[in-house]
Amino acid sequence: MDNSIKTECDKLSVVKDINERQNIIRQFETTGFLDRNKAINKITSLQITDTELLTATKLKQVASGSVNLYQADDNTIISNLQFQVNFLISKLGKLNLEDRNEI
């Protein structure tokens, strides 16, 4: 696969991940409803597929403590989703910067 096509696919995937998490956060903020299983699945699935995020998550847990997501309150789950959104926004910025440097 052409490197520019792979980069575009990577960017689209990151944008999709950001939007999915932001939608869950927005729904919680506007309605108070949190589909806990969906949110936890989003958190854990990305930790499995993105080693950089997993490392960042482990460092955050060392600094602030770790909690089992299935035992966490809704605000903790939302906080974890927001952490991932922030991470993914940074990752998207890095991909955009790398893409510009290749032109």
C-alpha atoms as a PDB file:
ATOM      1  CA  MET A   1       0.000   0.000   0.000  1.00  0.00           C
ATOM      2  CA  ASP A   2       1.254   3.449  -0.920  1.00  0.00           C
ATOM      3  CA  ASN A   3       2.523   5.312   2.166  1.00  0.00           C
ATOM      4  CA  SER A   4       0.242   8.307   1.536  1.00  0.00           C
ATOM      5  CA  ILE A   5      -2.798   6.026   1.292  1.00  0.00           C
ATOM      6  CA  LYS A   6      -1.792   4.284   4.531  1.00  0.00           C
ATOM      7  CA  THR A   7      -1.395   7.670   6.239  1.00  0.00           C
ATOM      8  CA  GLU A   8      -4.854   8.763   5.066  1.00  0.00           C
ATOM      9  CA  CYS A   9      -6.368   5.486   6.304  1.00  0.00           C
ATOM     10  CA  ASP A  10      -4.614   5.947   9.657  1.00  0.00           C
ATOM     11  CA  LYS A  11      -5.970   9.499   9.934  1.00  0.00           C
ATOM     12  CA  LEU A  12      -9.515   8.388   9.099  1.00  0.00           C
ATOM     13  CA  SER A  13      -9.295   5.644  11.715  1.00  0.00           C
ATOM     14  CA  VAL A  14      -8.119   8.100  14.375  1.00  0.00           C
ATOM     15  CA  VAL A  15     -10.904  10.559  13.496  1.00  0.00           C
ATOM     16  CA  LYS A  16     -13.441   7.723  13.744  1.00  0.00           C
ATOM     17  CA  ASP A  17     -12.088   6.733  17.170  1.00  0.00           C
ATOM     18  CA  ILE A  18     -12.237  10.352  18.373  1.00  0.00           C
ATOM     19  CA  ASN A  19     -15.819  10.798  17.171  1.00  0.00           C
ATOM     20  CA  GLU A  20     -17.023   7.564  18.758  1.00  0.00           C
ATOM     21  CA  ARG A  21     -15.609   8.556  22.137  1.00  0.00           C
ATOM     22  CA  GLN A  22     -16.826  12.140  21.912  1.00  0.00           C
ATOM     23  CA  ASN A  23     -20.344  10.895  21.126  1.00  0.00           C
ATOM     24  CA  ILE A  24     -20.365   8.736  24.259  1.00  0.00           C
ATOM     25  CA  ILE A  25     -19.079  11.651  26.353  1.00  0.00           C
ATOM     26  CA  ARG A  26     -21.598  14.080  24.829  1.00  0.00           C
ATOM     27  CA  GLN A  27     -24.490  11.683  25.455  1.00  0.00           C
ATOM     28  CA  PHE A  28     -23.458  11.339  29.097  1.00  0.00           C
ATOM     29  CA  GLU A  29     -23.084  15.095  29.538  1.00  0.00           C
ATOM     30  CA  THR A  30     -26.469  15.890  27.958  1.00  0.00           C
ATOM     31  CA  THR A  31     -28.620  13.005  29.227  1.00  0.00           C
ATOM     32  CA  GLY A  32     -26.737  11.525  32.173  1.00  0.00           C
ATOM     33  CA  PHE A  33     -26.931   8.113  30.455  1.00  0.00           C
ATOM     34  CA  LEU A  34     -23.786   6.062  29.990  1.00  0.00           C
ATOM     35  CA  ASP A  35     -23.769   2.743  28.162  1.00  0.00           C
ATOM     36  CA  ARG A  36     -21.064   1.401  30.452  1.00  0.00           C
ATOM     37  CA  ASN A  37     -20.337  -1.739  28.448  1.00  0.00           C
ATOM     38  CA  LYS A  38     -19.958   0.217  25.207  1.00  0.00           C
ATOM     39  CA  ALA A  39     -17.711   2.812  26.871  1.00  0.00           C
ATOM     40  CA  ILE A  40     -15.517   0.210  28.580  1.00  0.00           C
ATOM     41  CA  ASN A  41     -15.262  -1.745  25.319  1.00  0.00           C
ATOM     42  CA  LYS A  42     -14.074   1.409  23.511  1.00  0.00           C
ATOM     43  CA  ILE A  43     -11.471   2.061  26.208  1.00  0.00           C
ATOM     44  CA  THR A  44     -10.087  -1.469  26.360  1.00  0.00           C
ATOM     45  CA  SER A  45     -10.197  -2.190  22.618  1.00  0.00           C
ATOM     46  CA  LEU A  46      -8.045   0.841  21.839  1.00  0.00           C
ATOM     47  CA  GLN A  47      -5.587  -0.075  24.593  1.00  0.00           C
ATOM     48  CA  ILE A  48      -5.164  -3.462  22.912  1.00  0.00           C
ATOM     49  CA  THR A  49      -4.563  -2.082  19.422  1.00  0.00           C
ATOM     50  CA  ASP A  50      -2.540   1.063  20.207  1.00  0.00           C
ATOM     51  CA  THR A  51       0.660   0.349  22.105  1.00  0.00           C
ATOM     52  CA  GLU A  52       1.493   4.053  22.501  1.00  0.00           C
ATOM     53  CA  LEU A  53      -1.867   4.623  24.186  1.00  0.00           C
ATOM     54  CA  LEU A  54      -1.348   1.584  26.392  1.00  0.00           C
ATOM     55  CA  THR A  55       2.004   2.990  27.533  1.00  0.00           C
ATOM     56  CA  ALA A  56       0.471   6.425  28.205  1.00  0.00           C
ATOM     57  CA  THR A  57      -2.373   4.785  30.140  1.00  0.00           C
ATOM     58  CA  LYS A  58       0.031   2.766  32.287  1.00  0.00           C
ATOM     59  CA  LEU A  59       2.044   5.904  33.075  1.00  0.00           C
ATOM     60  CA  LYS A  60      -1.165   7.728  34.033  1.00  0.00           C
ATOM     61  CA  GLN A  61      -2.177   4.825  36.275  1.00  0.00           C
ATOM     62  CA  VAL A  62       1.200   4.860  38.030  1.00  0.00           C
ATOM     63  CA  ALA A  63       0.821   8.579  38.710  1.00  0.00           C
ATOM     64  CA  SER A  64      -2.835   8.618  39.752  1.00  0.00           C
ATOM     65  CA  GLY A  65      -3.740   5.053  40.651  1.00  0.00           C
ATOM     66  CA  SER A  66      -5.588   2.351  38.807  1.00  0.00           C
ATOM     67  CA  VAL A  67      -9.168   1.156  39.100  1.00  0.00           C
ATOM     68  CA  ASN A  68     -11.015  -1.731  37.483  1.00  0.00           C
ATOM     69  CA  LEU A  69     -13.269  -0.093  34.904  1.00  0.00           C
ATOM     70  CA  TYR A  70     -16.130  -2.475  35.681  1.00  0.00           C
ATOM     71  CA  GLN A  71     -16.049  -1.224  39.279  1.00  0.00           C
ATOM     72  CA  ALA A  72     -15.468   2.434  38.377  1.00  0.00           C
ATOM     73  CA  ASP A  73     -18.120   5.113  38.633  1.00  0.00           C
ATOM     74  CA  ASP A  74     -19.444   6.764  35.467  1.00  0.00           C
ATOM     75  CA  ASN A  75     -17.260   9.862  35.868  1.00  0.00           C
ATOM     76  CA  THR A  76     -14.106   7.735  35.987  1.00  0.00           C
ATOM     77  CA  ILE A  77     -15.118   5.971  32.781  1.00  0.00           C
ATOM     78  CA  ILE A  78     -15.824   9.321  31.121  1.00  0.00           C
ATOM     79  CA  SER A  79     -12.448  10.579  32.342  1.00  0.00           C
ATOM     80  CA  ASN A  80     -10.757   7.590  30.709  1.00  0.00           C
ATOM     81  CA  LEU A  81     -12.611   8.240  27.457  1.00  0.00           C
ATOM     82  CA  GLN A  82     -11.568  11.912  27.557  1.00  0.00           C
ATOM     83  CA  PHE A  83      -7.957  10.858  28.167  1.00  0.00           C
ATOM     84  CA  GLN A  84      -8.162   8.742  25.016  1.00  0.00           C
ATOM     85  CA  VAL A  85      -9.739  11.594  23.036  1.00  0.00           C
ATOM     86  CA  ASN A  86      -6.915  13.920  24.068  1.00  0.00           C
ATOM     87  CA  PHE A  87      -4.338  11.276  23.167  1.00  0.00           C
ATOM     88  CA  LEU A  88      -5.966  10.643  19.787  1.00  0.00           C
ATOM     89  CA  ILE A  89      -6.149  14.356  18.976  1.00  0.00           C
ATOM     90  CA  SER A  90      -2.402  14.565  19.614  1.00  0.00           C
ATOM     91  CA  LYS A  91      -1.834  11.491  17.478  1.00  0.00           C
ATOM     92  CA  LEU A  92      -3.878  13.021  14.647  1.00  0.00           C
ATOM     93  CA  GLY A  93      -1.838  16.219  14.881  1.00  0.00           C
ATOM     94  CA  LYS A  94       1.359  14.176  14.650  1.00  0.00           C
ATOM     95  CA  LEU A  95       0.051  12.304  11.580  1.00  0.00           C
ATOM     96  CA  ASN A  96      -0.925  15.594   9.913  1.00  0.00           C
ATOM     97  CA  LEU A  97       2.500  17.072  10.645  1.00  0.00           C
ATOM     98  CA  GLU A  98       4.285  13.999   9.265  1.00  0.00           C
ATOM     99  CA  ASP A  99       2.058  14.108   6.187  1.00  0.00           C
ATOM    100  CA  ARG A 100       2.945  17.770   5.539  1.00  0.00           C
ATOM    101  CA  ASN A 101       6.660  17.034   5.929  1.00  0.00           C
ATOM    102  CA  GLU A 102       6.470  14.381   3.208  1.00  0.00           C
ATOM    103  CA  ILE A 103       5.103  16.832   0.635  1.00  0.00           C
END
